[in-house]
Amino acid sequence: MKNYVLCSVQRSGKTWIADTLRRLGIGHGLELLTEFDRGYAPQQTRLTAARTEGMGQFLNCFSEITRQDGFPSVGISIQWSNLHDVLPETAQMLLDIESALAPSILYFLKRRDVLGQAISHFLMMESGYAHSTETDNLHERRGLVLYNREKLQSSVNHTRDSYVSWEKLFNMSNIQPVTIYYEDFVNNPVVAFGDMAEEITGVRFSREQIMDAASGLRKISNATDDSIRRAYLADADASHL
């Protein structure tokens, strides 16, 4: 049995993948550092006391919480978006996380369709609608978002730059992540989730177990808006991008 760290860029499908692993009984997979900084991590007070003693003690405390919740594996996800200046202290933090959770597997979740990912990010930022668990009102606002070349191009650039920065961070940390792709989980969840779960636990889950777990949460706003895609590509073609 191993622990895992799931590193990603915004709108990668991370929440769905982490939630599926949780529903399979493997581990939380929550964005622990972000939730802690915002003050709503599980047992926040207990984690706050542990954090004063360093990252290792902080993650040891979270490991205890995870196992008390009945999960055999400790999983966290990381979505650092402000990595344009990759600093040695950030690289050291990643190394400290990997060391504290050892034996662990560090995954790098990517999307092959970077434009679709950027469109999803653009729609989320313009509407405030993040995923299917949010209100119908926000969902309706998402449908009213109009094409804006400048803002969408900014989202495309941000997504691409985030991938590059993660690669720089892995190199600086001398970490070789296991790269996984969102599209593989969408196209063949039984194989993709089955392989990942087996790599972590050493156990092969059944098709029924995986499909039941994978249906738990789909991030609707990950779907590409075809009209925005067509407008962007038409602009790109016209400007020879």
Protein backbone atom coordinates (compact mmCIF):
# COMPACT_ATOMS: atom_id res chain seq x y z
CA MET A 1 0.00 0.00 0.00
CA LYS A 2 1.36 3.41 -1.01
CA ASN A 3 0.30 6.99 -0.43
CA TYR A 4 -0.15 9.41 -3.32
CA VAL A 5 0.19 13.06 -4.34
CA LEU A 6 -1.84 14.33 -7.30
CA CYS A 7 -0.33 17.45 -8.88
CA SER A 8 -2.36 19.37 -11.45
CA VAL A 9 -3.19 22.55 -13.30
CA GLN A 10 -6.58 24.27 -12.94
CA ARG A 11 -9.51 22.58 -14.76
CA SER A 12 -7.65 19.30 -15.12
CA GLY A 13 -10.44 17.07 -13.77
CA LYS A 14 -8.55 16.65 -10.50
CA THR A 15 -11.65 16.80 -8.30
CA TRP A 16 -13.36 13.98 -10.20
CA ILE A 17 -10.29 11.74 -10.14
CA ALA A 18 -9.54 12.39 -6.47
CA ASP A 19 -13.19 11.85 -5.55
CA THR A 20 -13.27 8.55 -7.44
CA LEU A 21 -10.23 7.30 -5.52
CA ARG A 22 -11.95 8.34 -2.28
CA ARG A 23 -15.12 6.49 -3.27
CA LEU A 24 -13.01 3.41 -3.97
CA GLY A 25 -11.91 3.63 -0.33
CA ILE A 26 -8.30 4.54 -1.14
CA GLY A 27 -7.82 7.97 0.42
CA HIS A 28 -9.09 11.53 0.69
CA GLY A 29 -7.22 13.11 -2.23
CA LEU A 30 -8.34 16.56 -1.09
CA GLU A 31 -6.43 19.77 -1.81
CA LEU A 32 -5.11 19.80 1.73
CA LEU A 33 -2.75 22.80 1.66
CA THR A 34 -5.35 25.06 0.04
CA GLU A 35 -8.11 23.95 2.40
CA PHE A 36 -5.79 24.43 5.37
CA ASP A 37 -4.81 27.95 4.25
CA ARG A 38 -8.52 28.80 3.88
CA GLY A 39 -9.32 27.41 7.32
CA TYR A 40 -11.62 24.51 6.49
CA ALA A 41 -9.37 21.45 6.40
CA PRO A 42 -10.57 18.41 8.37
CA GLN A 43 -9.69 18.90 12.05
CA GLN A 44 -8.26 22.33 11.27
CA THR A 45 -7.28 23.10 14.87
CA ARG A 46 -5.35 19.87 15.22
CA LEU A 47 -3.57 20.45 11.90
CA THR A 48 -2.74 24.04 12.86
CA ALA A 49 -0.89 22.86 15.95
CA ALA A 50 1.00 20.26 13.91
CA ARG A 51 1.91 22.79 11.19
CA THR A 52 4.00 24.81 13.66
CA GLU A 53 6.33 21.80 13.84
CA GLY A 54 6.96 21.65 10.10
CA MET A 55 5.57 19.99 6.99
CA GLY A 56 6.54 16.52 8.13
CA GLN A 57 4.56 16.72 11.35
CA PHE A 58 1.67 18.40 9.52
CA LEU A 59 1.39 15.49 7.09
CA ASN A 60 1.91 12.93 9.85
CA CYS A 61 -1.07 14.48 11.59
CA PHE A 62 -3.13 14.34 8.40
CA SER A 63 -2.09 10.71 7.95
CA GLU A 64 -3.50 9.91 11.39
CA ILE A 65 -6.74 11.73 10.52
CA THR A 66 -7.00 9.83 7.23
CA ARG A 67 -6.58 6.44 8.89
CA GLN A 68 -9.04 7.34 11.64
CA ASP A 69 -11.52 7.99 8.82
CA GLY A 70 -10.95 4.42 7.65
CA PHE A 71 -8.74 5.02 4.60
CA PRO A 72 -5.68 2.79 4.20
CA SER A 73 -3.82 5.23 1.93
CA VAL A 74 -3.05 8.90 2.46
CA GLY A 75 -3.75 11.04 -0.60
CA ILE A 76 -3.52 14.75 -1.22
CA SER A 77 -3.82 16.88 -4.33
CA ILE A 78 -1.88 20.03 -5.16
CA GLN A 79 -2.97 22.69 -7.62
CA TRP A 80 -0.37 25.43 -7.47
CA SER A 81 -1.26 28.05 -10.08
CA ASN A 82 1.30 30.74 -9.25
CA LEU A 83 4.46 28.96 -10.29
CA HIS A 84 5.78 31.39 -12.89
CA ASP A 85 8.77 32.07 -10.65
CA VAL A 86 9.72 28.62 -9.45
CA LEU A 87 11.56 29.11 -6.17
CA PRO A 88 13.90 26.73 -4.33
CA GLU A 89 11.64 26.84 -1.27
CA THR A 90 8.71 25.61 -3.36
CA ALA A 91 10.83 22.75 -4.68
CA GLN A 92 11.86 21.94 -1.12
CA MET A 93 8.23 21.92 0.00
CA LEU A 94 7.39 19.40 -2.72
CA LEU A 95 10.32 17.24 -1.62
CA ASP A 96 9.19 17.49 2.01
CA ILE A 97 5.68 16.39 1.02
CA GLU A 98 6.98 13.42 -0.96
CA SER A 99 9.31 12.43 1.88
CA ALA A 100 6.63 12.74 4.58
CA LEU A 101 4.23 10.51 2.63
CA ALA A 102 6.79 7.90 1.61
CA PRO A 103 6.28 5.33 0.26
CA SER A 104 4.28 7.42 -2.15
CA ILE A 105 3.54 7.94 -5.84
CA LEU A 106 3.56 11.47 -7.22
CA TYR A 107 1.22 11.87 -10.20
CA PHE A 108 1.14 14.76 -12.65
CA LEU A 109 -2.36 15.07 -14.09
CA LYS A 110 -2.51 16.74 -17.51
CA ARG A 111 -4.98 17.32 -20.31
CA ARG A 112 -3.99 16.79 -23.92
CA ASP A 113 -6.66 19.26 -25.01
CA VAL A 114 -5.08 22.40 -23.57
CA LEU A 115 -7.51 24.65 -25.46
CA GLY A 116 -10.48 22.80 -23.97
CA GLN A 117 -8.90 23.14 -20.54
CA ALA A 118 -8.34 26.86 -21.06
CA ILE A 119 -11.93 27.32 -22.27
CA SER A 120 -13.16 25.56 -19.13
CA HIS A 121 -11.04 27.89 -17.01
CA PHE A 122 -12.28 30.95 -18.95
CA LEU A 123 -15.93 29.89 -18.47
CA MET A 124 -15.38 29.29 -14.76
CA MET A 125 -13.72 32.67 -14.23
CA GLU A 126 -16.41 34.55 -16.18
CA SER A 127 -19.42 32.80 -14.64
CA GLY A 128 -18.26 31.73 -11.19
CA TYR A 129 -19.53 28.24 -12.02
CA ALA A 130 -16.93 25.65 -11.05
CA HIS A 131 -18.67 22.27 -11.17
CA SER A 132 -21.89 20.31 -11.04
CA THR A 133 -22.36 20.58 -7.27
CA GLU A 134 -22.96 24.32 -7.47
CA THR A 135 -26.20 26.25 -7.89
CA ASP A 136 -28.43 26.27 -10.94
CA ASN A 137 -28.10 30.06 -11.01
CA LEU A 138 -24.35 29.85 -11.58
CA HIS A 139 -24.90 27.10 -14.16
CA GLU A 140 -27.24 29.44 -16.05
CA ARG A 141 -24.66 32.23 -15.88
CA ARG A 142 -22.09 29.91 -17.46
CA GLY A 143 -24.33 29.58 -20.52
CA LEU A 144 -24.42 33.36 -20.91
CA VAL A 145 -20.64 33.82 -21.15
CA LEU A 146 -19.72 35.48 -24.43
CA TYR A 147 -16.59 34.84 -26.45
CA ASN A 148 -13.75 37.19 -25.56
CA ARG A 149 -10.57 36.59 -27.51
CA GLU A 150 -8.29 38.55 -25.17
CA LYS A 151 -9.48 36.86 -21.99
CA LEU A 152 -9.48 33.40 -23.56
CA GLN A 153 -5.97 33.90 -24.91
CA SER A 154 -4.89 34.89 -21.41
CA SER A 155 -6.40 31.64 -20.11
CA VAL A 156 -4.62 29.63 -22.82
CA ASN A 157 -1.30 31.28 -21.95
CA HIS A 158 -1.84 30.75 -18.24
CA THR A 159 -2.60 27.05 -18.74
CA ARG A 160 0.44 26.48 -20.93
CA ASP A 161 2.70 28.44 -18.59
CA SER A 162 1.42 26.45 -15.61
CA TYR A 163 2.42 23.18 -17.26
CA VAL A 164 5.88 24.54 -18.03
CA SER A 165 6.30 25.78 -14.46
CA TRP A 166 5.34 22.39 -13.01
CA GLU A 167 7.97 20.75 -15.22
CA LYS A 168 10.56 23.25 -13.96
CA LEU A 169 9.53 22.49 -10.39
CA PHE A 170 9.88 18.74 -10.92
CA ASN A 171 13.32 19.26 -12.44
CA MET A 172 14.42 21.51 -9.60
CA SER A 173 13.17 18.93 -7.09
CA ASN A 174 14.75 16.08 -9.05
CA ILE A 175 11.36 14.33 -9.00
CA GLN A 176 10.10 12.15 -11.82
CA PRO A 177 6.30 12.16 -11.61
CA VAL A 178 4.01 9.56 -13.12
CA THR A 179 2.17 11.49 -15.85
CA ILE A 180 -1.51 10.67 -16.32
CA TYR A 181 -4.03 12.22 -18.71
CA TYR A 182 -7.59 13.29 -18.00
CA GLU A 183 -8.79 12.09 -21.40
CA ASP A 184 -7.70 8.53 -20.61
CA PHE A 185 -9.96 8.50 -17.56
CA VAL A 186 -12.88 9.86 -19.58
CA ASN A 187 -12.38 7.48 -22.51
CA ASN A 188 -11.72 4.32 -20.52
CA PRO A 189 -12.33 4.81 -16.79
CA VAL A 190 -12.14 1.09 -16.00
CA VAL A 191 -8.59 0.81 -17.28
CA ALA A 192 -7.33 4.23 -16.18
CA PHE A 193 -8.77 4.15 -12.66
CA GLY A 194 -8.04 0.43 -12.38
CA ASP A 195 -4.36 0.90 -13.20
CA MET A 196 -4.01 3.88 -10.86
CA ALA A 197 -5.80 2.19 -7.98
CA GLU A 198 -3.77 -0.99 -8.40
CA GLU A 199 -0.53 1.00 -8.49
CA ILE A 200 -1.42 2.59 -5.16
CA THR A 201 -2.99 -0.36 -3.35
CA GLY A 202 -1.73 -3.49 -5.10
CA VAL A 203 -5.39 -4.52 -5.52
CA ARG A 204 -7.30 -4.85 -8.80
CA PHE A 205 -10.78 -3.39 -8.51
CA SER A 206 -13.72 -4.77 -10.46
CA ARG A 207 -15.36 -2.97 -13.35
CA GLU A 208 -18.51 -2.51 -11.27
CA GLN A 209 -16.59 -0.96 -8.36
CA ILE A 210 -14.81 1.49 -10.64
CA MET A 211 -17.86 2.54 -12.63
CA ASP A 212 -19.87 3.09 -9.47
CA ALA A 213 -17.10 5.20 -7.93
CA ALA A 214 -16.37 7.16 -11.13
CA SER A 215 -19.99 8.24 -11.49
CA GLY A 216 -19.82 10.13 -8.20
CA LEU A 217 -18.84 13.53 -9.54
CA ARG A 218 -18.41 14.87 -13.06
CA LYS A 219 -17.21 18.42 -13.54
CA ILE A 220 -19.65 19.60 -16.15
CA SER A 221 -17.71 22.77 -16.83
CA ASN A 222 -14.79 20.70 -18.07
CA ALA A 223 -16.83 20.21 -21.24
CA THR A 224 -15.51 22.34 -24.08
CA ASP A 225 -17.86 25.04 -25.34
CA ASP A 226 -17.87 24.36 -29.08
CA SER A 227 -18.92 27.87 -30.09
CA ILE A 228 -16.03 29.42 -28.16
CA ARG A 229 -13.61 26.83 -29.54
CA ARG A 230 -14.74 27.54 -33.12
CA ALA A 231 -14.45 31.31 -32.63
CA TYR A 232 -10.96 30.99 -31.15
CA LEU A 233 -9.73 28.69 -33.89
CA ALA A 234 -11.22 30.92 -36.57
CA ASP A 235 -9.35 33.88 -35.08
CA ALA A 236 -6.18 31.84 -34.83
CA ASP A 237 -6.45 30.73 -38.44
CA ALA A 238 -7.12 34.28 -39.61
CA SER A 239 -4.06 35.58 -37.76
CA HIS A 240 -1.93 32.56 -38.76
CA LEU A 241 -1.35 31.52 -35.13
